[in-house]
C-alpha atoms as a PDB file:
ATOM      1  CA  MET A   1     143.188  67.066  -9.375  1.00  0.00           C
ATOM      2  CA  LYS A   2     143.659  66.997  -5.866  1.00  0.00           C
ATOM      3  CA  CYS A   3     141.478  70.162  -6.315  1.00  0.00           C
ATOM      4  CA  ILE A   4     138.724  68.749  -8.498  1.00  0.00           C
ATOM      5  CA  LYS A   5     137.522  66.456  -6.332  1.00  0.00           C
ATOM      6  CA  CYS A   6     137.423  68.507  -3.885  1.00  0.00           C
ATOM      7  CA  ASP A   7     135.148  70.644  -5.818  1.00  0.00           C
ATOM      8  CA  ILE A   8     133.006  68.248  -6.356  1.00  0.00           C
ATOM      9  CA  ILE A   9     132.742  66.864  -3.198  1.00  0.00           C
ATOM     10  CA  VAL A  10     131.633  70.589  -2.358  1.00  0.00           C
ATOM     11  CA  ILE A  11     128.725  70.271  -5.008  1.00  0.00           C
ATOM     12  CA  ASP A  12     127.853  67.067  -3.398  1.00  0.00           C
ATOM     13  CA  GLN A  13     127.190  67.975  -0.224  1.00  0.00           C
ATOM     14  CA  GLU A  14     125.247  71.761  -1.126  1.00  0.00           C
ATOM     15  CA  GLU A  15     123.357  69.653  -3.070  1.00  0.00           C
ATOM     16  CA  ASP A  16     122.323  67.072  -0.652  1.00  0.00           C
ATOM     17  CA  GLU A  17     121.015  70.012   2.263  1.00  0.00           C
ATOM     18  CA  PRO A  18     118.600  71.281   0.508  1.00  0.00           C
ATOM     19  CA  ALA A  19     117.081  67.763  -0.222  1.00  0.00           C
ATOM     20  CA  GLU A  20     116.956  67.719   3.867  1.00  0.00           C
ATOM     21  CA  GLU A  21     115.310  71.143   4.124  1.00  0.00           C
ATOM     22  CA  GLU A  22     112.873  70.024   1.337  1.00  0.00           C
ATOM     23  CA  GLU A  23     112.139  66.711   3.362  1.00  0.00           C
ATOM     24  CA  GLU A  24     110.981  69.185   6.821  1.00  0.00           C
ATOM     25  CA  GLU A  25     108.846  71.612   4.715  1.00  0.00           C
ATOM     26  CA  GLU A  26     106.842  67.956   3.433  1.00  0.00           C
ATOM     27  CA  GLU A  27     106.664  66.937   7.007  1.00  0.00           C
ATOM     28  CA  GLU A  28     105.682  70.469   7.833  1.00  0.00           C
ATOM     29  CA  GLU A  29     102.968  70.574   5.093  1.00  0.00           C
ATOM     30  CA  GLU A  30     101.816  67.206   6.072  1.00  0.00           C
ATOM     31  CA  ASP A  31     101.136  68.584   9.364  1.00  0.00           C
ATOM     32  CA  MET A  32      99.559  71.668   8.657  1.00  0.00           C
ATOM     33  CA  VAL A  33      95.257  71.384   8.102  1.00  0.00           C
ATOM     34  CA  ASP A  34      93.551  74.275   5.539  1.00  0.00           C
ATOM     35  CA  PRO A  35      91.013  75.513   8.772  1.00  0.00           C
ATOM     36  CA  LEU A  36      88.700  76.062   5.352  1.00  0.00           C
ATOM     37  CA  ASP A  37      88.960  72.298   4.925  1.00  0.00           C
ATOM     38  CA  THR A  38      87.756  71.686   8.498  1.00  0.00           C
ATOM     39  CA  ILE A  39      84.712  73.995   8.293  1.00  0.00           C
ATOM     40  CA  ARG A  40      83.667  72.758   5.237  1.00  0.00           C
ATOM     41  CA  GLU A  41      83.300  69.423   6.474  1.00  0.00           C
ATOM     42  CA  LYS A  42      81.173  70.409   9.517  1.00  0.00           C
ATOM     43  CA  CYS A  43      79.075  72.143   7.618  1.00  0.00           C
ATOM     44  CA  GLU A  44      78.290  68.841   5.532  1.00  0.00           C
ATOM     45  CA  GLN A  45      77.252  67.486   8.539  1.00  0.00           C
ATOM     46  CA  THR A  46      74.181  69.985   8.523  1.00  0.00           C
ATOM     47  CA  ALA A  47      70.769  68.858   7.951  1.00  0.00           C
ATOM     48  CA  HIS A  48      70.553  70.892   5.290  1.00  0.00           C
ATOM     49  CA  CYS A  49      73.644  70.138   3.547  1.00  0.00           C
ATOM     50  CA  VAL A  50      73.463  66.296   4.383  1.00  0.00           C
ATOM     51  CA  HIS A  51      69.985  66.578   2.012  1.00  0.00           C
ATOM     52  CA  THR A  52      71.645  68.528  -0.930  1.00  0.00           C
ATOM     53  CA  LYS A  53      74.829  65.708  -0.793  1.00  0.00           C
ATOM     54  CA  GLU A  54      72.122  62.778  -0.906  1.00  0.00           C
ATOM     55  CA  ARG A  55      70.212  64.046  -3.524  1.00  0.00           C
ATOM     56  CA  LEU A  56      73.381  64.886  -5.623  1.00  0.00           C
ATOM     57  CA  GLU A  57      74.594  60.854  -4.881  1.00  0.00           C
ATOM     58  CA  ALA A  58      70.978  59.468  -5.935  1.00  0.00           C
ATOM     59  CA  CYS A  59      71.783  61.570  -9.090  1.00  0.00           C
ATOM     60  CA  GLU A  60      74.737  60.170  -9.474  1.00  0.00           C
ATOM     61  CA  ALA A  61      73.753  57.043  -8.905  1.00  0.00           C
ATOM     62  CA  ARG A  62      71.068  57.101 -11.383  1.00  0.00           C
ATOM     63  CA  VAL A  63      72.993  58.572 -13.908  1.00  0.00           C
ATOM     64  CA  GLY A  64      75.783  56.037 -13.877  1.00  0.00           C
ATOM     65  CA  SER A  65      73.590  53.699 -13.757  1.00  0.00           C
ATOM     66  CA  ARG A  66      72.091  54.100 -17.713  1.00  0.00           C
ATOM     67  CA  SER A  67      74.610  53.893 -20.536  1.00  0.00           C
ATOM     68  CA  ARG A  68      72.897  56.686 -22.549  1.00  0.00           C
ATOM     69  CA  THR A  69      71.411  59.727 -20.792  1.00  0.00           C
ATOM     70  CA  GLU A  70      71.814  63.468 -21.743  1.00  0.00           C
ATOM     71  CA  GLU A  71      70.866  63.817 -17.589  1.00  0.00           C
ATOM     72  CA  ASP A  72      73.879  65.322 -15.691  1.00  0.00           C
ATOM     73  CA  CYS A  73      73.670  66.583 -12.404  1.00  0.00           C
ATOM     74  CA  THR A  74      74.990  70.146 -12.776  1.00  0.00           C
ATOM     75  CA  GLU A  75      71.945  71.161 -10.571  1.00  0.00           C
ATOM     76  CA  GLU A  76      72.410  68.791  -7.394  1.00  0.00           C
ATOM     77  CA  LEU A  77      76.558  69.786  -7.628  1.00  0.00           C
ATOM     78  CA  PHE A  78      75.640  73.594  -7.752  1.00  0.00           C
ATOM     79  CA  ASP A  79      72.404  73.571  -4.864  1.00  0.00           C
ATOM     80  CA  PHE A  80      74.912  70.938  -2.699  1.00  0.00           C
ATOM     81  CA  LEU A  81      78.193  73.391  -2.990  1.00  0.00           C
ATOM     82  CA  HIS A  82      75.604  76.829  -2.288  1.00  0.00           C
ATOM     83  CA  ALA A  83      74.105  75.206   0.711  1.00  0.00           C
ATOM     84  CA  ARG A  84      77.597  74.019   2.118  1.00  0.00           C
ATOM     85  CA  ASP A  85      79.399  77.638   1.015  1.00  0.00           C
ATOM     86  CA  HIS A  86      76.221  79.282   2.688  1.00  0.00           C
ATOM     87  CA  CYS A  87      76.675  77.603   6.035  1.00  0.00           C
ATOM     88  CA  VAL A  88      80.447  78.350   5.342  1.00  0.00           C
ATOM     89  CA  SER A  89      79.865  81.961   5.286  1.00  0.00           C
ATOM     90  CA  LEU A  90      77.849  82.395   8.314  1.00  0.00           C
ATOM     91  CA  THR A  91      80.394  80.665  10.248  1.00  0.00           C
ATOM     92  CA  GLN A  92      83.217  83.111   9.591  1.00  0.00           C
ATOM     93  CA  ARG A  93      80.503  86.103  10.266  1.00  0.00           C
ATOM     94  CA  GLU A  94      79.916  84.122  13.521  1.00  0.00           C
ATOM     95  CA  GLY A  95      84.110  84.419  14.072  1.00  0.00           C
ATOM     96  CA  GLY A  96      85.318  80.973  13.337  1.00  0.00           C
ATOM     97  CA  SER A  97      84.596  77.587  14.476  1.00  0.00           C
END
């Protein structure tokens, strides 16, 4: 019986250690920022992206205010994403931020 209790204690200790490591990894992940997200945020502030985002938001408001409509904002969404991704690609070609 004494050995069984020792085994249980050892097993419990082994289970606690990975939990601590997972917590440390989660903290590190929270501190990390995806560089692509940072570039996208900067690009969203350019004049062309602001214009396409305003058109998207206006469409979403218009569609959201109607109870029955076949209109969707796919074209406006694609225009915005295209403008943002184009800016990101130019930023990448120039060598980063």
